[in-house]
Amino acid sequence: NINKNLLKDSKKISPQKRKKLANYIKKNSTYSIGKASIKEIEKLNILQATLLSMKRAINNLKDKPNIVLIDGNHAPKNLSYQYRTIVQGDEKIPAISAASIIAKVARDRYITRLAKNYIPYGWHTNFGYGTKKHLNAINKFGVTKHHRKSFKPVHNILLGKKK
């Protein structure tokens, strides 16, 4: 059993502790990770693509849930399961915290792999978030196929505006 005090918002846990927790959670639970492509994010918007990813993860679970607990106040459309949305669920509900930790570690691993081919963008340290260094790199080296062109700072750079 894991100490429930360790389970909280994944962004409030150090990367090393987050990885250890994710490994423990994955070994001791049923989980699934859903993804959306850049094209889907651009077409749908980030919220709808997140909900699509969530639905994919839920539908791919090996063990079917009695109820799905969802962080926030939005749920995927046409879910085949009973669900409950919980604002700040990753702070309140250990199962949501655990899912948040697994998702964050998976995303960080993905970005770290990408970073090896995009050193100037600093993804190995900023994990793709719009830091000043990252935006400066986009200005200098351009937008990659991994950037969301509808994300306002990237969109503005493409239009020739600075930040």
C-alpha atoms as a PDB file:
ATOM      1  CA  ASN A   1       0.000   0.000   0.000  1.00  0.00           C
ATOM      2  CA  ILE A   2       1.203   3.475  -0.857  1.00  0.00           C
ATOM      3  CA  ASN A   3       1.056   6.378   1.577  1.00  0.00           C
ATOM      4  CA  LYS A   4      -1.862   8.485   0.315  1.00  0.00           C
ATOM      5  CA  ASN A   5      -0.018  11.640   1.409  1.00  0.00           C
ATOM      6  CA  LEU A   6       2.498  10.964  -1.381  1.00  0.00           C
ATOM      7  CA  LEU A   7      -0.283  11.064  -3.958  1.00  0.00           C
ATOM      8  CA  LYS A   8      -0.975  14.627  -4.990  1.00  0.00           C
ATOM      9  CA  ASP A   9      -0.870  16.875  -8.021  1.00  0.00           C
ATOM     10  CA  SER A  10       1.902  15.412 -10.195  1.00  0.00           C
ATOM     11  CA  LYS A  11       3.377  18.867 -10.837  1.00  0.00           C
ATOM     12  CA  LYS A  12       4.042  19.262  -7.101  1.00  0.00           C
ATOM     13  CA  ILE A  13       6.237  16.147  -6.908  1.00  0.00           C
ATOM     14  CA  SER A  14       9.915  16.091  -7.871  1.00  0.00           C
ATOM     15  CA  PRO A  15      10.667  14.264 -11.145  1.00  0.00           C
ATOM     16  CA  GLN A  16      12.646  11.547  -9.330  1.00  0.00           C
ATOM     17  CA  LYS A  17       9.880  10.869  -6.789  1.00  0.00           C
ATOM     18  CA  ARG A  18       7.271  11.042  -9.558  1.00  0.00           C
ATOM     19  CA  LYS A  19       9.093   8.299 -11.529  1.00  0.00           C
ATOM     20  CA  LYS A  20       9.346   6.044  -8.473  1.00  0.00           C
ATOM     21  CA  LEU A  21       5.675   6.572  -7.664  1.00  0.00           C
ATOM     22  CA  ALA A  22       4.665   5.925 -11.289  1.00  0.00           C
ATOM     23  CA  ASN A  23       6.566   2.644 -11.340  1.00  0.00           C
ATOM     24  CA  TYR A  24       4.969   1.553  -8.071  1.00  0.00           C
ATOM     25  CA  ILE A  25       1.478   2.574  -9.232  1.00  0.00           C
ATOM     26  CA  LYS A  26       1.861   0.764 -12.568  1.00  0.00           C
ATOM     27  CA  LYS A  27       3.032  -2.438 -10.854  1.00  0.00           C
ATOM     28  CA  ASN A  28       0.120  -2.379  -8.406  1.00  0.00           C
ATOM     29  CA  SER A  29      -2.845  -1.216 -10.446  1.00  0.00           C
ATOM     30  CA  THR A  30      -4.610  -1.375 -13.761  1.00  0.00           C
ATOM     31  CA  TYR A  31      -3.932   1.611 -15.975  1.00  0.00           C
ATOM     32  CA  SER A  32      -4.017   2.732 -19.568  1.00  0.00           C
ATOM     33  CA  ILE A  33      -2.569   5.775 -21.290  1.00  0.00           C
ATOM     34  CA  GLY A  34      -4.475   7.600 -24.009  1.00  0.00           C
ATOM     35  CA  LYS A  35      -2.900   9.949 -26.522  1.00  0.00           C
ATOM     36  CA  ALA A  36      -3.949  12.509 -29.103  1.00  0.00           C
ATOM     37  CA  SER A  37      -1.843  13.587 -32.050  1.00  0.00           C
ATOM     38  CA  ILE A  38      -0.790  17.141 -32.840  1.00  0.00           C
ATOM     39  CA  LYS A  39      -3.252  17.038 -35.786  1.00  0.00           C
ATOM     40  CA  GLU A  40      -6.084  16.041 -33.456  1.00  0.00           C
ATOM     41  CA  ILE A  41      -5.166  18.770 -30.968  1.00  0.00           C
ATOM     42  CA  GLU A  42      -5.085  21.374 -33.742  1.00  0.00           C
ATOM     43  CA  LYS A  43      -8.408  20.181 -35.178  1.00  0.00           C
ATOM     44  CA  LEU A  44     -10.308  19.726 -31.917  1.00  0.00           C
ATOM     45  CA  ASN A  45      -8.578  22.144 -29.469  1.00  0.00           C
ATOM     46  CA  ILE A  46      -6.565  21.140 -26.422  1.00  0.00           C
ATOM     47  CA  LEU A  47      -9.548  20.464 -24.137  1.00  0.00           C
ATOM     48  CA  GLN A  48     -11.395  18.242 -26.616  1.00  0.00           C
ATOM     49  CA  ALA A  49      -8.157  16.405 -27.506  1.00  0.00           C
ATOM     50  CA  THR A  50      -7.528  15.833 -23.790  1.00  0.00           C
ATOM     51  CA  LEU A  51     -11.022  14.399 -23.414  1.00  0.00           C
ATOM     52  CA  LEU A  52     -10.447  12.196 -26.475  1.00  0.00           C
ATOM     53  CA  SER A  53      -7.198  10.914 -24.937  1.00  0.00           C
ATOM     54  CA  MET A  54      -9.025  10.271 -21.683  1.00  0.00           C
ATOM     55  CA  LYS A  55     -11.758   8.322 -23.464  1.00  0.00           C
ATOM     56  CA  ARG A  56      -9.143   6.234 -25.278  1.00  0.00           C
ATOM     57  CA  ALA A  57      -7.409   5.444 -21.996  1.00  0.00           C
ATOM     58  CA  ILE A  58     -10.684   4.495 -20.304  1.00  0.00           C
ATOM     59  CA  ASN A  59     -11.801   2.304 -23.205  1.00  0.00           C
ATOM     60  CA  ASN A  60      -8.431   0.496 -23.257  1.00  0.00           C
ATOM     61  CA  LEU A  61      -8.491  -0.481 -19.586  1.00  0.00           C
ATOM     62  CA  LYS A  62      -8.067  -4.224 -19.112  1.00  0.00           C
ATOM     63  CA  ASP A  63     -10.304  -4.217 -16.032  1.00  0.00           C
ATOM     64  CA  LYS A  64     -13.527  -2.311 -16.615  1.00  0.00           C
ATOM     65  CA  PRO A  65     -14.324   0.291 -13.920  1.00  0.00           C
ATOM     66  CA  ASN A  66     -17.552   0.601 -11.946  1.00  0.00           C
ATOM     67  CA  ILE A  67     -17.128   4.377 -11.996  1.00  0.00           C
ATOM     68  CA  VAL A  68     -14.646   6.731 -13.622  1.00  0.00           C
ATOM     69  CA  LEU A  69     -13.345   9.612 -11.511  1.00  0.00           C
ATOM     70  CA  ILE A  70     -12.278  12.557 -13.659  1.00  0.00           C
ATOM     71  CA  ASP A  71     -10.091  15.489 -12.667  1.00  0.00           C
ATOM     72  CA  GLY A  72     -11.792  18.771 -13.547  1.00  0.00           C
ATOM     73  CA  ASN A  73     -15.296  19.671 -14.607  1.00  0.00           C
ATOM     74  CA  HIS A  74     -15.374  18.200 -18.137  1.00  0.00           C
ATOM     75  CA  ALA A  75     -15.873  14.584 -19.156  1.00  0.00           C
ATOM     76  CA  PRO A  76     -15.561  12.861 -22.528  1.00  0.00           C
ATOM     77  CA  LYS A  77     -18.795  12.594 -24.495  1.00  0.00           C
ATOM     78  CA  ASN A  78     -20.557   9.248 -24.787  1.00  0.00           C
ATOM     79  CA  LEU A  79     -18.602   7.482 -22.069  1.00  0.00           C
ATOM     80  CA  SER A  80     -19.707   3.873 -21.632  1.00  0.00           C
ATOM     81  CA  TYR A  81     -19.230   4.141 -17.885  1.00  0.00           C
ATOM     82  CA  GLN A  82     -20.753   6.003 -14.994  1.00  0.00           C
ATOM     83  CA  TYR A  83     -18.452   8.906 -14.118  1.00  0.00           C
ATOM     84  CA  ARG A  84     -17.957  11.752 -11.698  1.00  0.00           C
ATOM     85  CA  THR A  85     -15.960  14.936 -12.371  1.00  0.00           C
ATOM     86  CA  ILE A  86     -14.060  16.411  -9.438  1.00  0.00           C
ATOM     87  CA  VAL A  87     -12.505  19.874  -9.580  1.00  0.00           C
ATOM     88  CA  GLN A  88      -8.920  19.633  -8.263  1.00  0.00           C
ATOM     89  CA  GLY A  89      -9.385  15.885  -8.133  1.00  0.00           C
ATOM     90  CA  ASP A  90      -5.634  15.297  -8.319  1.00  0.00           C
ATOM     91  CA  GLU A  91      -5.358  17.016  -4.926  1.00  0.00           C
ATOM     92  CA  LYS A  92      -8.374  15.293  -3.367  1.00  0.00           C
ATOM     93  CA  ILE A  93      -8.638  11.752  -4.729  1.00  0.00           C
ATOM     94  CA  PRO A  94      -5.639   9.376  -4.564  1.00  0.00           C
ATOM     95  CA  ALA A  95      -6.766   7.429  -7.671  1.00  0.00           C
ATOM     96  CA  ILE A  96      -6.861  10.639  -9.722  1.00  0.00           C
ATOM     97  CA  SER A  97      -3.478  11.669  -8.301  1.00  0.00           C
ATOM     98  CA  ALA A  98      -2.068   8.295  -9.328  1.00  0.00           C
ATOM     99  CA  ALA A  99      -3.418   8.689 -12.866  1.00  0.00           C
ATOM    100  CA  SER A 100      -1.969  12.201 -13.022  1.00  0.00           C
ATOM    101  CA  ILE A 101       1.446  10.900 -11.951  1.00  0.00           C
ATOM    102  CA  ILE A 102       1.462   8.115 -14.551  1.00  0.00           C
ATOM    103  CA  ALA A 103       0.360  10.530 -17.291  1.00  0.00           C
ATOM    104  CA  LYS A 104       2.973  13.162 -16.380  1.00  0.00           C
ATOM    105  CA  VAL A 105       5.798  10.610 -16.313  1.00  0.00           C
ATOM    106  CA  ALA A 106       4.681   9.189 -19.689  1.00  0.00           C
ATOM    107  CA  ARG A 107       4.542  12.670 -21.243  1.00  0.00           C
ATOM    108  CA  ASP A 108       7.936  13.622 -19.784  1.00  0.00           C
ATOM    109  CA  ARG A 109       9.476  10.410 -21.193  1.00  0.00           C
ATOM    110  CA  TYR A 110       8.032  11.186 -24.616  1.00  0.00           C
ATOM    111  CA  ILE A 111       9.362  14.754 -24.570  1.00  0.00           C
ATOM    112  CA  THR A 112      12.770  13.589 -23.303  1.00  0.00           C
ATOM    113  CA  ARG A 113      13.032  11.203 -26.276  1.00  0.00           C
ATOM    114  CA  LEU A 114      12.068  14.021 -28.667  1.00  0.00           C
ATOM    115  CA  ALA A 115      14.585  16.340 -27.018  1.00  0.00           C
ATOM    116  CA  LYS A 116      17.503  14.258 -28.287  1.00  0.00           C
ATOM    117  CA  ASN A 117      16.726  15.421 -31.837  1.00  0.00           C
ATOM    118  CA  TYR A 118      15.840  19.003 -30.890  1.00  0.00           C
ATOM    119  CA  ILE A 119      18.625  20.086 -28.514  1.00  0.00           C
ATOM    120  CA  PRO A 120      18.340  23.874 -29.126  1.00  0.00           C
ATOM    121  CA  TYR A 121      14.727  23.900 -27.951  1.00  0.00           C
ATOM    122  CA  GLY A 122      15.698  22.796 -24.442  1.00  0.00           C
ATOM    123  CA  TRP A 123      12.983  20.155 -24.190  1.00  0.00           C
ATOM    124  CA  HIS A 124      15.251  18.078 -21.959  1.00  0.00           C
ATOM    125  CA  THR A 125      14.871  20.790 -19.290  1.00  0.00           C
ATOM    126  CA  ASN A 126      11.594  22.583 -20.118  1.00  0.00           C
ATOM    127  CA  PHE A 127       9.667  19.481 -21.283  1.00  0.00           C
ATOM    128  CA  GLY A 128       8.104  21.449 -24.127  1.00  0.00           C
ATOM    129  CA  TYR A 129       6.536  24.160 -22.004  1.00  0.00           C
ATOM    130  CA  GLY A 130       6.705  27.701 -23.338  1.00  0.00           C
ATOM    131  CA  THR A 131       9.667  28.975 -21.344  1.00  0.00           C
ATOM    132  CA  LYS A 132      11.559  32.032 -22.538  1.00  0.00           C
ATOM    133  CA  LYS A 133      14.445  29.824 -23.735  1.00  0.00           C
ATOM    134  CA  HIS A 134      12.042  27.616 -25.656  1.00  0.00           C
ATOM    135  CA  LEU A 135      10.278  30.558 -27.320  1.00  0.00           C
ATOM    136  CA  ASN A 136      13.646  32.104 -28.204  1.00  0.00           C
ATOM    137  CA  ALA A 137      14.654  28.797 -29.834  1.00  0.00           C
ATOM    138  CA  ILE A 138      11.432  28.753 -31.862  1.00  0.00           C
ATOM    139  CA  ASN A 139      12.189  32.308 -33.016  1.00  0.00           C
ATOM    140  CA  LYS A 140      15.737  31.312 -33.977  1.00  0.00           C
ATOM    141  CA  PHE A 141      15.293  27.770 -35.346  1.00  0.00           C
ATOM    142  CA  GLY A 142      11.646  27.725 -36.359  1.00  0.00           C
ATOM    143  CA  VAL A 143       8.572  25.689 -35.521  1.00  0.00           C
ATOM    144  CA  THR A 144       8.854  21.888 -35.633  1.00  0.00           C
ATOM    145  CA  LYS A 145       6.205  19.327 -36.521  1.00  0.00           C
ATOM    146  CA  HIS A 146       5.889  18.713 -32.772  1.00  0.00           C
ATOM    147  CA  HIS A 147       4.712  22.241 -31.986  1.00  0.00           C
ATOM    148  CA  ARG A 148       1.045  23.133 -31.805  1.00  0.00           C
ATOM    149  CA  LYS A 149       0.672  25.898 -34.357  1.00  0.00           C
ATOM    150  CA  SER A 150      -2.560  27.074 -32.718  1.00  0.00           C
ATOM    151  CA  PHE A 151      -0.757  27.636 -29.376  1.00  0.00           C
ATOM    152  CA  LYS A 152      -0.728  31.426 -29.099  1.00  0.00           C
ATOM    153  CA  PRO A 153       3.057  32.015 -28.705  1.00  0.00           C
ATOM    154  CA  VAL A 154       3.829  29.658 -31.616  1.00  0.00           C
ATOM    155  CA  HIS A 155       0.981  31.111 -33.676  1.00  0.00           C
ATOM    156  CA  ASN A 156       2.325  34.622 -33.064  1.00  0.00           C
ATOM    157  CA  ILE A 157       5.848  33.590 -34.046  1.00  0.00           C
ATOM    158  CA  LEU A 158       4.485  32.124 -37.293  1.00  0.00           C
ATOM    159  CA  LEU A 159       2.744  35.437 -37.943  1.00  0.00           C
ATOM    160  CA  GLY A 160       6.031  37.251 -37.398  1.00  0.00           C
ATOM    161  CA  LYS A 161       5.071  38.762 -34.045  1.00  0.00           C
ATOM    162  CA  LYS A 162       7.441  38.521 -31.111  1.00  0.00           C
ATOM    163  CA  LYS A 163       5.731  36.774 -28.159  1.00  0.00           C
END
